[in-house]
Amino acid sequence: MSAYIDECDQCDECECGGKRPDGLPQYKRLKKRMATSFKVIFKALHLNSVPPDEAVADFIADSRLMTKYPGKGDPLYAEYNKLTDILEEAWQTKNLQKFHETVDTMNHMKTQCHHQYK
């Protein structure tokens, strides 16, 4: 189990638990997980530290899941998926400057998306 999965993975009673009929986790649960891992990554980068591998892997995996939910920002999914690819490549090639730039771009995009779709 990931160290960056939210408390929903730890309990069966909360409203965000379970899976949808399509097999995806509940959207609210996914967003909580993403917020947790992104916060770890963002904070580390802005403290001039390398984020933990596990937080990055979790965020990338959840980012790929997030764009499978209809009606949650579909017009931005193609651009977000490209950013996720860039982020993953920067991480794999240890290009921390590109990784940091991409995290900042994703943060800006997240703000835009949440204003439109939240």
N, C-alpha and C. Protein backbone atom coordinates (compact mmCIF):
# COMPACT_ATOMS: atom_id res chain seq x y z
N MET A 1 0.85 -1.18 0.00
CA MET A 1 0.00 0.00 0.00
C MET A 1 0.89 1.24 0.00
N SER A 2 0.46 2.24 -0.74
CA SER A 2 1.22 3.47 -0.86
C SER A 2 1.19 4.28 0.43
N ALA A 3 2.26 4.98 0.68
CA ALA A 3 2.34 5.85 1.86
C ALA A 3 1.54 7.13 1.65
N TYR A 4 1.16 7.41 0.40
CA TYR A 4 0.49 8.67 0.11
C TYR A 4 -0.99 8.50 -0.23
N ILE A 5 -1.52 7.33 -0.01
CA ILE A 5 -2.94 7.11 -0.20
C ILE A 5 -3.66 7.69 1.01
N ASP A 6 -4.77 8.34 0.75
CA ASP A 6 -5.48 9.03 1.83
C ASP A 6 -6.13 8.07 2.81
N GLU A 7 -6.71 8.65 3.83
CA GLU A 7 -7.35 7.87 4.90
C GLU A 7 -8.50 7.01 4.40
N CYS A 8 -9.04 7.30 3.22
CA CYS A 8 -10.15 6.50 2.69
C CYS A 8 -9.74 5.05 2.45
N ASP A 9 -8.46 4.83 2.17
CA ASP A 9 -8.00 3.46 1.99
C ASP A 9 -7.92 2.71 3.30
N GLN A 10 -7.99 3.44 4.39
CA GLN A 10 -7.83 2.84 5.70
C GLN A 10 -9.17 2.47 6.35
N CYS A 11 -10.27 3.00 5.81
CA CYS A 11 -11.56 2.72 6.44
C CYS A 11 -12.59 2.30 5.41
N ASP A 12 -13.59 1.58 5.85
CA ASP A 12 -14.66 1.14 4.97
C ASP A 12 -15.94 1.93 5.21
N GLU A 13 -15.90 2.89 6.11
CA GLU A 13 -17.12 3.58 6.49
C GLU A 13 -17.30 4.94 5.84
N CYS A 14 -16.25 5.51 5.29
CA CYS A 14 -16.39 6.88 4.78
C CYS A 14 -17.10 6.90 3.44
N GLU A 15 -17.67 8.05 3.12
CA GLU A 15 -18.49 8.19 1.92
C GLU A 15 -17.71 8.09 0.62
N CYS A 16 -16.40 8.22 0.67
CA CYS A 16 -15.63 8.22 -0.57
C CYS A 16 -15.06 6.84 -0.90
N GLY A 17 -15.38 5.84 -0.11
CA GLY A 17 -14.84 4.51 -0.35
C GLY A 17 -15.54 3.79 -1.49
N GLY A 18 -15.02 2.66 -1.86
CA GLY A 18 -15.63 1.83 -2.87
C GLY A 18 -15.23 2.20 -4.28
N LYS A 19 -15.70 1.37 -5.20
CA LYS A 19 -15.42 1.61 -6.62
C LYS A 19 -16.74 1.83 -7.35
N ARG A 20 -16.62 2.53 -8.47
CA ARG A 20 -17.77 2.77 -9.32
C ARG A 20 -18.04 1.52 -10.14
N PRO A 21 -19.21 1.44 -10.78
CA PRO A 21 -19.50 0.28 -11.63
C PRO A 21 -18.47 0.07 -12.76
N ASP A 22 -17.82 1.15 -13.20
CA ASP A 22 -16.82 1.03 -14.27
C ASP A 22 -15.45 0.61 -13.74
N GLY A 23 -15.36 0.35 -12.42
CA GLY A 23 -14.11 -0.12 -11.83
C GLY A 23 -13.19 0.98 -11.34
N LEU A 24 -13.51 2.23 -11.65
CA LEU A 24 -12.69 3.35 -11.20
C LEU A 24 -13.02 3.66 -9.74
N PRO A 25 -12.04 4.18 -9.00
CA PRO A 25 -12.36 4.59 -7.62
C PRO A 25 -13.34 5.76 -7.65
N GLN A 26 -14.01 5.99 -6.55
CA GLN A 26 -14.89 7.15 -6.47
C GLN A 26 -14.06 8.39 -6.76
N TYR A 27 -14.63 9.33 -7.52
CA TYR A 27 -13.90 10.52 -7.95
C TYR A 27 -13.39 11.32 -6.75
N LYS A 28 -14.23 11.47 -5.75
CA LYS A 28 -13.84 12.23 -4.56
C LYS A 28 -12.61 11.61 -3.90
N ARG A 29 -12.60 10.30 -3.86
CA ARG A 29 -11.48 9.58 -3.26
C ARG A 29 -10.20 9.79 -4.08
N LEU A 30 -10.33 9.69 -5.39
CA LEU A 30 -9.18 9.90 -6.27
C LEU A 30 -8.63 11.31 -6.10
N LYS A 31 -9.49 12.30 -6.05
CA LYS A 31 -9.05 13.68 -5.90
C LYS A 31 -8.34 13.90 -4.56
N LYS A 32 -8.80 13.25 -3.52
CA LYS A 32 -8.12 13.36 -2.22
C LYS A 32 -6.72 12.76 -2.29
N ARG A 33 -6.61 11.61 -2.95
CA ARG A 33 -5.29 10.98 -3.10
C ARG A 33 -4.36 11.88 -3.90
N MET A 34 -4.89 12.45 -4.99
CA MET A 34 -4.07 13.32 -5.84
C MET A 34 -3.62 14.56 -5.06
N ALA A 35 -4.52 15.12 -4.29
CA ALA A 35 -4.17 16.30 -3.50
C ALA A 35 -3.05 15.99 -2.52
N THR A 36 -3.13 14.82 -1.91
CA THR A 36 -2.11 14.41 -0.94
C THR A 36 -0.74 14.24 -1.60
N SER A 37 -0.68 13.49 -2.69
CA SER A 37 0.61 13.25 -3.34
C SER A 37 1.15 14.53 -3.99
N PHE A 38 0.26 15.34 -4.58
CA PHE A 38 0.72 16.58 -5.20
C PHE A 38 1.29 17.54 -4.17
N LYS A 39 0.67 17.59 -3.01
CA LYS A 39 1.15 18.47 -1.94
C LYS A 39 2.57 18.06 -1.52
N VAL A 40 2.79 16.76 -1.40
CA VAL A 40 4.13 16.26 -1.03
C VAL A 40 5.15 16.66 -2.09
N ILE A 41 4.79 16.49 -3.36
CA ILE A 41 5.69 16.81 -4.47
C ILE A 41 5.96 18.32 -4.51
N PHE A 42 4.90 19.11 -4.47
CA PHE A 42 5.00 20.56 -4.58
C PHE A 42 5.85 21.14 -3.45
N LYS A 43 5.57 20.66 -2.25
CA LYS A 43 6.30 21.16 -1.07
C LYS A 43 7.79 20.81 -1.17
N ALA A 44 8.08 19.58 -1.54
CA ALA A 44 9.49 19.16 -1.67
C ALA A 44 10.22 20.02 -2.69
N LEU A 45 9.61 20.21 -3.85
CA LEU A 45 10.26 20.99 -4.89
C LEU A 45 10.53 22.43 -4.45
N HIS A 46 9.57 23.00 -3.74
CA HIS A 46 9.73 24.38 -3.33
C HIS A 46 10.62 24.53 -2.09
N LEU A 47 11.04 23.41 -1.54
CA LEU A 47 12.06 23.41 -0.48
C LEU A 47 13.40 22.95 -1.05
N ASN A 48 13.46 22.91 -2.39
CA ASN A 48 14.67 22.47 -3.11
C ASN A 48 15.09 21.05 -2.74
N SER A 49 14.09 20.20 -2.54
CA SER A 49 14.33 18.78 -2.25
C SER A 49 13.76 17.94 -3.39
N VAL A 50 14.25 16.72 -3.48
CA VAL A 50 13.72 15.78 -4.46
C VAL A 50 12.50 15.09 -3.84
N PRO A 51 11.36 15.13 -4.53
CA PRO A 51 10.17 14.47 -3.99
C PRO A 51 10.37 12.96 -3.90
N PRO A 52 9.66 12.32 -2.97
CA PRO A 52 9.77 10.85 -2.85
C PRO A 52 9.23 10.15 -4.11
N ASP A 53 9.93 9.11 -4.53
CA ASP A 53 9.51 8.33 -5.71
C ASP A 53 8.05 7.89 -5.61
N GLU A 54 7.66 7.45 -4.44
CA GLU A 54 6.32 6.90 -4.26
C GLU A 54 5.24 7.97 -4.49
N ALA A 55 5.48 9.18 -4.01
CA ALA A 55 4.52 10.26 -4.21
C ALA A 55 4.39 10.58 -5.70
N VAL A 56 5.51 10.60 -6.40
CA VAL A 56 5.49 10.88 -7.84
C VAL A 56 4.76 9.77 -8.59
N ALA A 57 5.09 8.53 -8.29
CA ALA A 57 4.43 7.40 -8.96
C ALA A 57 2.93 7.41 -8.71
N ASP A 58 2.54 7.67 -7.47
CA ASP A 58 1.11 7.72 -7.13
C ASP A 58 0.41 8.84 -7.90
N PHE A 59 1.04 10.02 -7.94
CA PHE A 59 0.42 11.15 -8.61
C PHE A 59 0.27 10.89 -10.12
N ILE A 60 1.29 10.33 -10.73
CA ILE A 60 1.21 10.03 -12.17
C ILE A 60 0.12 9.00 -12.44
N ALA A 61 0.08 7.94 -11.65
CA ALA A 61 -0.95 6.90 -11.85
C ALA A 61 -2.35 7.49 -11.66
N ASP A 62 -2.53 8.30 -10.63
CA ASP A 62 -3.84 8.89 -10.38
C ASP A 62 -4.20 9.92 -11.44
N SER A 63 -3.20 10.63 -11.97
CA SER A 63 -3.46 11.59 -13.04
C SER A 63 -4.00 10.88 -14.27
N ARG A 64 -3.45 9.71 -14.55
CA ARG A 64 -3.93 8.93 -15.70
C ARG A 64 -5.36 8.43 -15.47
N LEU A 65 -5.68 8.10 -14.25
CA LEU A 65 -7.06 7.68 -13.92
C LEU A 65 -8.03 8.86 -14.01
N MET A 66 -7.60 10.01 -13.52
CA MET A 66 -8.50 11.16 -13.43
C MET A 66 -9.10 11.54 -14.78
N THR A 67 -8.32 11.40 -15.84
CA THR A 67 -8.81 11.82 -17.14
C THR A 67 -9.74 10.79 -17.79
N LYS A 68 -10.13 9.79 -17.05
CA LYS A 68 -11.09 8.80 -17.54
C LYS A 68 -12.51 9.10 -17.06
N TYR A 69 -12.66 10.13 -16.22
CA TYR A 69 -13.97 10.48 -15.67
C TYR A 69 -14.66 11.50 -16.57
N PRO A 70 -15.80 11.14 -17.15
CA PRO A 70 -16.50 12.09 -18.00
C PRO A 70 -17.13 13.23 -17.18
N GLY A 71 -17.14 14.41 -17.79
CA GLY A 71 -17.81 15.54 -17.17
C GLY A 71 -17.03 16.24 -16.08
N LYS A 72 -15.77 15.93 -15.94
CA LYS A 72 -14.96 16.52 -14.87
C LYS A 72 -13.86 17.42 -15.41
N GLY A 73 -13.99 17.83 -16.66
CA GLY A 73 -12.98 18.68 -17.27
C GLY A 73 -12.48 18.13 -18.59
N ASP A 74 -13.32 17.37 -19.25
CA ASP A 74 -12.97 16.68 -20.49
C ASP A 74 -12.20 17.55 -21.50
N PRO A 75 -12.58 18.82 -21.73
CA PRO A 75 -11.86 19.62 -22.73
C PRO A 75 -10.38 19.83 -22.38
N LEU A 76 -10.02 19.66 -21.14
CA LEU A 76 -8.64 19.86 -20.71
C LEU A 76 -7.85 18.56 -20.61
N TYR A 77 -8.51 17.43 -20.78
CA TYR A 77 -7.86 16.13 -20.56
C TYR A 77 -6.68 15.89 -21.50
N ALA A 78 -6.80 16.22 -22.78
CA ALA A 78 -5.70 15.95 -23.71
C ALA A 78 -4.46 16.73 -23.29
N GLU A 79 -4.64 18.00 -22.95
CA GLU A 79 -3.50 18.82 -22.51
C GLU A 79 -2.93 18.29 -21.19
N TYR A 80 -3.80 17.89 -20.28
CA TYR A 80 -3.35 17.37 -18.99
C TYR A 80 -2.58 16.06 -19.19
N ASN A 81 -3.07 15.20 -20.08
CA ASN A 81 -2.36 13.94 -20.35
C ASN A 81 -0.97 14.20 -20.92
N LYS A 82 -0.84 15.22 -21.79
CA LYS A 82 0.48 15.58 -22.32
C LYS A 82 1.39 16.03 -21.19
N LEU A 83 0.86 16.85 -20.29
CA LEU A 83 1.67 17.30 -19.14
C LEU A 83 2.08 16.12 -18.27
N THR A 84 1.18 15.16 -18.09
CA THR A 84 1.51 13.97 -17.29
C THR A 84 2.64 13.19 -17.96
N ASP A 85 2.60 13.08 -19.29
CA ASP A 85 3.68 12.40 -20.02
C ASP A 85 5.00 13.14 -19.84
N ILE A 86 4.96 14.47 -19.94
CA ILE A 86 6.18 15.28 -19.77
C ILE A 86 6.72 15.11 -18.35
N LEU A 87 5.81 15.13 -17.38
CA LEU A 87 6.20 14.97 -15.98
C LEU A 87 6.88 13.62 -15.76
N GLU A 88 6.27 12.58 -16.30
CA GLU A 88 6.84 11.23 -16.13
C GLU A 88 8.20 11.12 -16.80
N GLU A 89 8.33 11.65 -17.99
CA GLU A 89 9.61 11.59 -18.70
C GLU A 89 10.68 12.38 -17.94
N ALA A 90 10.33 13.57 -17.46
CA ALA A 90 11.28 14.38 -16.70
C ALA A 90 11.74 13.63 -15.44
N TRP A 91 10.81 12.94 -14.80
CA TRP A 91 11.15 12.18 -13.59
C TRP A 91 12.08 11.03 -13.93
N GLN A 92 11.74 10.30 -14.98
CA GLN A 92 12.54 9.13 -15.37
C GLN A 92 13.94 9.51 -15.81
N THR A 93 14.08 10.69 -16.43
CA THR A 93 15.39 11.12 -16.90
C THR A 93 16.12 11.98 -15.87
N LYS A 94 15.51 12.12 -14.70
CA LYS A 94 16.10 12.89 -13.59
C LYS A 94 16.31 14.36 -13.95
N ASN A 95 15.44 14.89 -14.82
CA ASN A 95 15.51 16.30 -15.20
C ASN A 95 14.62 17.08 -14.23
N LEU A 96 15.19 17.40 -13.07
CA LEU A 96 14.40 18.04 -12.01
C LEU A 96 13.92 19.44 -12.38
N GLN A 97 14.68 20.13 -13.21
CA GLN A 97 14.22 21.46 -13.63
C GLN A 97 12.95 21.34 -14.46
N LYS A 98 12.95 20.44 -15.43
CA LYS A 98 11.75 20.21 -16.27
C LYS A 98 10.61 19.66 -15.42
N PHE A 99 10.93 18.79 -14.50
CA PHE A 99 9.92 18.23 -13.59
C PHE A 99 9.27 19.36 -12.80
N HIS A 100 10.10 20.23 -12.22
CA HIS A 100 9.59 21.35 -11.42
C HIS A 100 8.73 22.28 -12.28
N GLU A 101 9.19 22.61 -13.47
CA GLU A 101 8.42 23.46 -14.38
C GLU A 101 7.06 22.84 -14.70
N THR A 102 7.06 21.54 -14.92
CA THR A 102 5.81 20.85 -15.27
C THR A 102 4.87 20.80 -14.08
N VAL A 103 5.39 20.59 -12.89
CA VAL A 103 4.55 20.62 -11.68
C VAL A 103 3.91 21.99 -11.54
N ASP A 104 4.68 23.05 -11.76
CA ASP A 104 4.12 24.40 -11.66
C ASP A 104 3.04 24.63 -12.72
N THR A 105 3.27 24.14 -13.94
CA THR A 105 2.26 24.26 -15.00
C THR A 105 1.01 23.49 -14.63
N MET A 106 1.18 22.29 -14.09
CA MET A 106 0.02 21.49 -13.67
C MET A 106 -0.74 22.19 -12.55
N ASN A 107 -0.04 22.82 -11.65
CA ASN A 107 -0.68 23.52 -10.55
C ASN A 107 -1.54 24.66 -11.10
N HIS A 108 -1.02 25.38 -12.08
CA HIS A 108 -1.78 26.46 -12.71
C HIS A 108 -3.01 25.90 -13.43
N MET A 109 -2.82 24.81 -14.15
CA MET A 109 -3.92 24.19 -14.87
C MET A 109 -5.00 23.68 -13.90
N LYS A 110 -4.56 23.13 -12.79
CA LYS A 110 -5.50 22.64 -11.78
C LYS A 110 -6.38 23.79 -11.29
N THR A 111 -5.77 24.92 -11.03
CA THR A 111 -6.53 26.09 -10.56
C THR A 111 -7.56 26.50 -11.60
N GLN A 112 -7.15 26.56 -12.86
CA GLN A 112 -8.08 26.90 -13.95
C GLN A 112 -9.23 25.91 -14.03
N CYS A 113 -8.90 24.64 -14.02
CA CYS A 113 -9.90 23.58 -14.14
C CYS A 113 -10.89 23.62 -12.98
N HIS A 114 -10.40 23.79 -11.77
CA HIS A 114 -11.27 23.81 -10.61
C HIS A 114 -12.22 25.00 -10.63
N HIS A 115 -11.77 26.12 -11.19
CA HIS A 115 -12.66 27.27 -11.32
C HIS A 115 -13.81 26.98 -12.28
N GLN A 116 -13.53 26.21 -13.32
CA GLN A 116 -14.53 25.91 -14.33
C GLN A 116 -15.43 24.73 -13.97
N TYR A 117 -14.87 23.72 -13.33
CA TYR A 117 -15.59 22.44 -13.21
C TYR A 117 -15.93 22.04 -11.78
N LYS A 118 -15.51 22.78 -10.81
CA LYS A 118 -15.77 22.37 -9.43
C LYS A 118 -17.05 22.97 -8.92
